[in-house]
Amino acid sequence: MIPTSPKTQENQQSTVDFLLEMADRIAREAPAAELEKLPQDGGENLDHYLYGAPKQ
């Protein structure tokens, strides 16, 4: 692992916080009917949903 300076770590944390905040906002604002359409096995079959690989 490449050592990072405190400023770089601070920037990385602010980016992570921003992304988590955006994901939370999307989840709160999305209609329930749309959230129900999301696959329940998204983590397990991510390559299938992104690239069309066979489901596991």
PDB file of N, CA and C in Angstrom:
ATOM      1  N   MET A   1       0.837  -1.171   0.000  1.00  0.00           N
ATOM      2  CA  MET A   1       0.000   0.000   0.000  1.00  0.00           C
ATOM      3  C   MET A   1       0.884   1.236   0.000  1.00  0.00           C
ATOM      4  N   ILE A   2       0.516   2.202  -0.806  1.00  0.00           N
ATOM      5  CA  ILE A   2       1.288   3.435  -0.903  1.00  0.00           C
ATOM      6  C   ILE A   2       0.908   4.349   0.257  1.00  0.00           C
ATOM      7  N   PRO A   3       1.906   4.830   1.013  1.00  0.00           N
ATOM      8  CA  PRO A   3       1.584   5.746   2.103  1.00  0.00           C
ATOM      9  C   PRO A   3       0.980   7.030   1.550  1.00  0.00           C
ATOM     10  N   THR A   4       0.022   7.569   2.263  1.00  0.00           N
ATOM     11  CA  THR A   4      -0.600   8.812   1.831  1.00  0.00           C
ATOM     12  C   THR A   4      -0.401   9.880   2.885  1.00  0.00           C
ATOM     13  N   SER A   5      -0.386  11.108   2.441  1.00  0.00           N
ATOM     14  CA  SER A   5      -0.239  12.212   3.375  1.00  0.00           C
ATOM     15  C   SER A   5      -1.567  12.456   4.072  1.00  0.00           C
ATOM     16  N   PRO A   6      -1.545  13.108   5.234  1.00  0.00           N
ATOM     17  CA  PRO A   6      -2.807  13.385   5.929  1.00  0.00           C
ATOM     18  C   PRO A   6      -3.795  14.161   5.054  1.00  0.00           C
ATOM     19  N   LYS A   7      -3.302  15.090   4.235  1.00  0.00           N
ATOM     20  CA  LYS A   7      -4.199  15.855   3.374  1.00  0.00           C
ATOM     21  C   LYS A   7      -4.890  14.931   2.369  1.00  0.00           C
ATOM     22  N   THR A   8      -4.151  13.975   1.804  1.00  0.00           N
ATOM     23  CA  THR A   8      -4.748  13.032   0.868  1.00  0.00           C
ATOM     24  C   THR A   8      -5.789  12.175   1.581  1.00  0.00           C
ATOM     25  N   GLN A   9      -5.487  11.718   2.777  1.00  0.00           N
ATOM     26  CA  GLN A   9      -6.450  10.927   3.537  1.00  0.00           C
ATOM     27  C   GLN A   9      -7.687  11.748   3.852  1.00  0.00           C
ATOM     28  N   GLU A  10      -7.509  13.020   4.148  1.00  0.00           N
ATOM     29  CA  GLU A  10      -8.641  13.905   4.429  1.00  0.00           C
ATOM     30  C   GLU A  10      -9.510  14.057   3.182  1.00  0.00           C
ATOM     31  N   ASN A  11      -8.883  14.219   2.022  1.00  0.00           N
ATOM     32  CA  ASN A  11      -9.635  14.336   0.776  1.00  0.00           C
ATOM     33  C   ASN A  11     -10.380  13.041   0.466  1.00  0.00           C
ATOM     34  N   GLN A  12      -9.732  11.908   0.715  1.00  0.00           N
ATOM     35  CA  GLN A  12     -10.391  10.623   0.475  1.00  0.00           C
ATOM     36  C   GLN A  12     -11.608  10.468   1.367  1.00  0.00           C
ATOM     37  N   GLN A  13     -11.478  10.869   2.629  1.00  0.00           N
ATOM     38  CA  GLN A  13     -12.602  10.747   3.559  1.00  0.00           C
ATOM     39  C   GLN A  13     -13.746  11.659   3.135  1.00  0.00           C
ATOM     40  N   SER A  14     -13.436  12.871   2.680  1.00  0.00           N
ATOM     41  CA  SER A  14     -14.515  13.766   2.263  1.00  0.00           C
ATOM     42  C   SER A  14     -15.203  13.215   1.013  1.00  0.00           C
ATOM     43  N   THR A  15     -14.466  12.537   0.137  1.00  0.00           N
ATOM     44  CA  THR A  15     -15.066  11.914  -1.042  1.00  0.00           C
ATOM     45  C   THR A  15     -15.977  10.761  -0.626  1.00  0.00           C
ATOM     46  N   VAL A  16     -15.515   9.945   0.295  1.00  0.00           N
ATOM     47  CA  VAL A  16     -16.329   8.832   0.795  1.00  0.00           C
ATOM     48  C   VAL A  16     -17.592   9.374   1.453  1.00  0.00           C
ATOM     49  N   ASP A  17     -17.454  10.387   2.282  1.00  0.00           N
ATOM     50  CA  ASP A  17     -18.624  10.987   2.942  1.00  0.00           C
ATOM     51  C   ASP A  17     -19.610  11.525   1.925  1.00  0.00           C
ATOM     52  N   PHE A  18     -19.105  12.177   0.889  1.00  0.00           N
ATOM     53  CA  PHE A  18     -19.964  12.726  -0.164  1.00  0.00           C
ATOM     54  C   PHE A  18     -20.735  11.608  -0.868  1.00  0.00           C
ATOM     55  N   LEU A  19     -20.040  10.542  -1.235  1.00  0.00           N
ATOM     56  CA  LEU A  19     -20.694   9.435  -1.942  1.00  0.00           C
ATOM     57  C   LEU A  19     -21.744   8.749  -1.068  1.00  0.00           C
ATOM     58  N   LEU A  20     -21.432   8.550   0.202  1.00  0.00           N
ATOM     59  CA  LEU A  20     -22.404   7.939   1.111  1.00  0.00           C
ATOM     60  C   LEU A  20     -23.624   8.836   1.289  1.00  0.00           C
ATOM     61  N   GLU A  21     -23.403  10.132   1.373  1.00  0.00           N
ATOM     62  CA  GLU A  21     -24.507  11.080   1.496  1.00  0.00           C
ATOM     63  C   GLU A  21     -25.392  11.061   0.244  1.00  0.00           C
ATOM     64  N   MET A  22     -24.760  10.989  -0.921  1.00  0.00           N
ATOM     65  CA  MET A  22     -25.524  10.933  -2.173  1.00  0.00           C
ATOM     66  C   MET A  22     -26.339   9.643  -2.255  1.00  0.00           C
ATOM     67  N   ALA A  23     -25.739   8.520  -1.900  1.00  0.00           N
ATOM     68  CA  ALA A  23     -26.452   7.244  -1.933  1.00  0.00           C
ATOM     69  C   ALA A  23     -27.627   7.268  -0.959  1.00  0.00           C
ATOM     70  N   ASP A  24     -27.427   7.851   0.214  1.00  0.00           N
ATOM     71  CA  ASP A  24     -28.502   7.948   1.194  1.00  0.00           C
ATOM     72  C   ASP A  24     -29.639   8.825   0.662  1.00  0.00           C
ATOM     73  N   ARG A  25     -29.284   9.938   0.038  1.00  0.00           N
ATOM     74  CA  ARG A  25     -30.306  10.839  -0.511  1.00  0.00           C
ATOM     75  C   ARG A  25     -31.102  10.156  -1.611  1.00  0.00           C
ATOM     76  N   ILE A  26     -30.422   9.441  -2.482  1.00  0.00           N
ATOM     77  CA  ILE A  26     -31.108   8.731  -3.571  1.00  0.00           C
ATOM     78  C   ILE A  26     -32.049   7.688  -2.988  1.00  0.00           C
ATOM     79  N   ALA A  27     -31.597   6.951  -1.994  1.00  0.00           N
ATOM     80  CA  ALA A  27     -32.438   5.921  -1.384  1.00  0.00           C
ATOM     81  C   ALA A  27     -33.666   6.531  -0.714  1.00  0.00           C
ATOM     82  N   ARG A  28     -33.504   7.686  -0.094  1.00  0.00           N
ATOM     83  CA  ARG A  28     -34.647   8.348   0.567  1.00  0.00           C
ATOM     84  C   ARG A  28     -35.638   8.910  -0.447  1.00  0.00           C
ATOM     85  N   GLU A  29     -35.136   9.444  -1.568  1.00  0.00           N
ATOM     86  CA  GLU A  29     -35.998  10.134  -2.521  1.00  0.00           C
ATOM     87  C   GLU A  29     -36.588   9.222  -3.599  1.00  0.00           C
ATOM     88  N   ALA A  30     -36.023   8.053  -3.773  1.00  0.00           N
ATOM     89  CA  ALA A  30     -36.511   7.143  -4.816  1.00  0.00           C
ATOM     90  C   ALA A  30     -37.875   6.586  -4.414  1.00  0.00           C
ATOM     91  N   PRO A  31     -38.801   6.502  -5.361  1.00  0.00           N
ATOM     92  CA  PRO A  31     -40.100   5.910  -5.052  1.00  0.00           C
ATOM     93  C   PRO A  31     -39.938   4.440  -4.657  1.00  0.00           C
ATOM     94  N   ALA A  32     -40.729   4.018  -3.703  1.00  0.00           N
ATOM     95  CA  ALA A  32     -40.653   2.634  -3.202  1.00  0.00           C
ATOM     96  C   ALA A  32     -40.829   1.629  -4.332  1.00  0.00           C
ATOM     97  N   ALA A  33     -41.710   1.929  -5.280  1.00  0.00           N
ATOM     98  CA  ALA A  33     -41.946   1.003  -6.396  1.00  0.00           C
ATOM     99  C   ALA A  33     -40.676   0.800  -7.220  1.00  0.00           C
ATOM    100  N   GLU A  34     -39.880   1.835  -7.367  1.00  0.00           N
ATOM    101  CA  GLU A  34     -38.629   1.714  -8.124  1.00  0.00           C
ATOM    102  C   GLU A  34     -37.592   0.929  -7.334  1.00  0.00           C
ATOM    103  N   LEU A  35     -37.518   1.166  -6.031  1.00  0.00           N
ATOM    104  CA  LEU A  35     -36.556   0.420  -5.205  1.00  0.00           C
ATOM    105  C   LEU A  35     -36.877  -1.068  -5.194  1.00  0.00           C
ATOM    106  N   GLU A  36     -38.152  -1.413  -5.267  1.00  0.00           N
ATOM    107  CA  GLU A  36     -38.552  -2.825  -5.286  1.00  0.00           C
ATOM    108  C   GLU A  36     -38.111  -3.532  -6.565  1.00  0.00           C
ATOM    109  N   LYS A  37     -37.845  -2.778  -7.630  1.00  0.00           N
ATOM    110  CA  LYS A  37     -37.414  -3.361  -8.904  1.00  0.00           C
ATOM    111  C   LYS A  37     -35.933  -3.758  -8.883  1.00  0.00           C
ATOM    112  N   LEU A  38     -35.186  -3.248  -7.917  1.00  0.00           N
ATOM    113  CA  LEU A  38     -33.757  -3.554  -7.859  1.00  0.00           C
ATOM    114  C   LEU A  38     -33.552  -5.033  -7.538  1.00  0.00           C
ATOM    115  N   PRO A  39     -32.545  -5.659  -8.137  1.00  0.00           N
ATOM    116  CA  PRO A  39     -32.304  -7.081  -7.871  1.00  0.00           C
ATOM    117  C   PRO A  39     -31.863  -7.300  -6.427  1.00  0.00           C
ATOM    118  N   GLN A  40     -32.366  -8.360  -5.837  1.00  0.00           N
ATOM    119  CA  GLN A  40     -32.016  -8.694  -4.458  1.00  0.00           C
ATOM    120  C   GLN A  40     -30.649  -9.370  -4.362  1.00  0.00           C
ATOM    121  N   ASP A  41     -30.144  -9.862  -5.486  1.00  0.00           N
ATOM    122  CA  ASP A  41     -28.856 -10.550  -5.500  1.00  0.00           C
ATOM    123  C   ASP A  41     -27.791  -9.698  -6.199  1.00  0.00           C
ATOM    124  N   GLY A  42     -27.922  -8.401  -6.115  1.00  0.00           N
ATOM    125  CA  GLY A  42     -27.011  -7.490  -6.813  1.00  0.00           C
ATOM    126  C   GLY A  42     -25.554  -7.677  -6.453  1.00  0.00           C
ATOM    127  N   GLY A  43     -25.259  -7.912  -5.177  1.00  0.00           N
ATOM    128  CA  GLY A  43     -23.869  -8.104  -4.767  1.00  0.00           C
ATOM    129  C   GLY A  43     -23.285  -9.395  -5.302  1.00  0.00           C
ATOM    130  N   GLU A  44     -24.082 -10.438  -5.262  1.00  0.00           N
ATOM    131  CA  GLU A  44     -23.618 -11.756  -5.704  1.00  0.00           C
ATOM    132  C   GLU A  44     -23.461 -11.818  -7.220  1.00  0.00           C
ATOM    133  N   ASN A  45     -24.330 -11.156  -7.932  1.00  0.00           N
ATOM    134  CA  ASN A  45     -24.334 -11.226  -9.399  1.00  0.00           C
ATOM    135  C   ASN A  45     -24.033  -9.878 -10.058  1.00  0.00           C
ATOM    136  N   LEU A  46     -23.182  -9.115  -9.428  1.00  0.00           N
ATOM    137  CA  LEU A  46     -22.843  -7.794  -9.947  1.00  0.00           C
ATOM    138  C   LEU A  46     -22.347  -7.859 -11.391  1.00  0.00           C
ATOM    139  N   ASP A  47     -21.463  -8.809 -11.702  1.00  0.00           N
ATOM    140  CA  ASP A  47     -20.937  -8.924 -13.065  1.00  0.00           C
ATOM    141  C   ASP A  47     -22.052  -9.228 -14.074  1.00  0.00           C
ATOM    142  N   HIS A  48     -23.050  -9.955 -13.639  1.00  0.00           N
ATOM    143  CA  HIS A  48     -24.186 -10.237 -14.528  1.00  0.00           C
ATOM    144  C   HIS A  48     -24.922  -8.946 -14.865  1.00  0.00           C
ATOM    145  N   TYR A  49     -25.206  -8.139 -13.847  1.00  0.00           N
ATOM    146  CA  TYR A  49     -25.985  -6.922 -14.060  1.00  0.00           C
ATOM    147  C   TYR A  49     -25.182  -5.838 -14.773  1.00  0.00           C
ATOM    148  N   LEU A  50     -23.870  -5.807 -14.569  1.00  0.00           N
ATOM    149  CA  LEU A  50     -23.059  -4.800 -15.225  1.00  0.00           C
ATOM    150  C   LEU A  50     -22.593  -5.216 -16.627  1.00  0.00           C
ATOM    151  N   TYR A  51     -22.183  -6.486 -16.772  1.00  0.00           N
ATOM    152  CA  TYR A  51     -21.527  -6.914 -17.993  1.00  0.00           C
ATOM    153  C   TYR A  51     -22.229  -8.053 -18.728  1.00  0.00           C
ATOM    154  N   GLY A  52     -23.290  -8.580 -18.158  1.00  0.00           N
ATOM    155  CA  GLY A  52     -24.006  -9.674 -18.823  1.00  0.00           C
ATOM    156  C   GLY A  52     -23.386 -11.043 -18.594  1.00  0.00           C
ATOM    157  N   ALA A  53     -22.494 -11.167 -17.629  1.00  0.00           N
ATOM    158  CA  ALA A  53     -21.896 -12.473 -17.322  1.00  0.00           C
ATOM    159  C   ALA A  53     -22.999 -13.416 -16.808  1.00  0.00           C
ATOM    160  N   PRO A  54     -22.807 -14.717 -16.913  1.00  0.00           N
ATOM    161  CA  PRO A  54     -23.808 -15.652 -16.384  1.00  0.00           C
ATOM    162  C   PRO A  54     -24.005 -15.427 -14.883  1.00  0.00           C
ATOM    163  N   LYS A  55     -25.240 -15.616 -14.426  1.00  0.00           N
ATOM    164  CA  LYS A  55     -25.520 -15.503 -12.988  1.00  0.00           C
ATOM    165  C   LYS A  55     -24.827 -16.647 -12.260  1.00  0.00           C
ATOM    166  N   GLN A  56     -24.477 -16.402 -11.015  1.00  0.00           N
ATOM    167  CA  GLN A  56     -23.828 -17.436 -10.186  1.00  0.00           C
ATOM    168  C   GLN A  56     -24.858 -18.208  -9.414  1.00  0.00           C
TER     169      GLN A  56
END
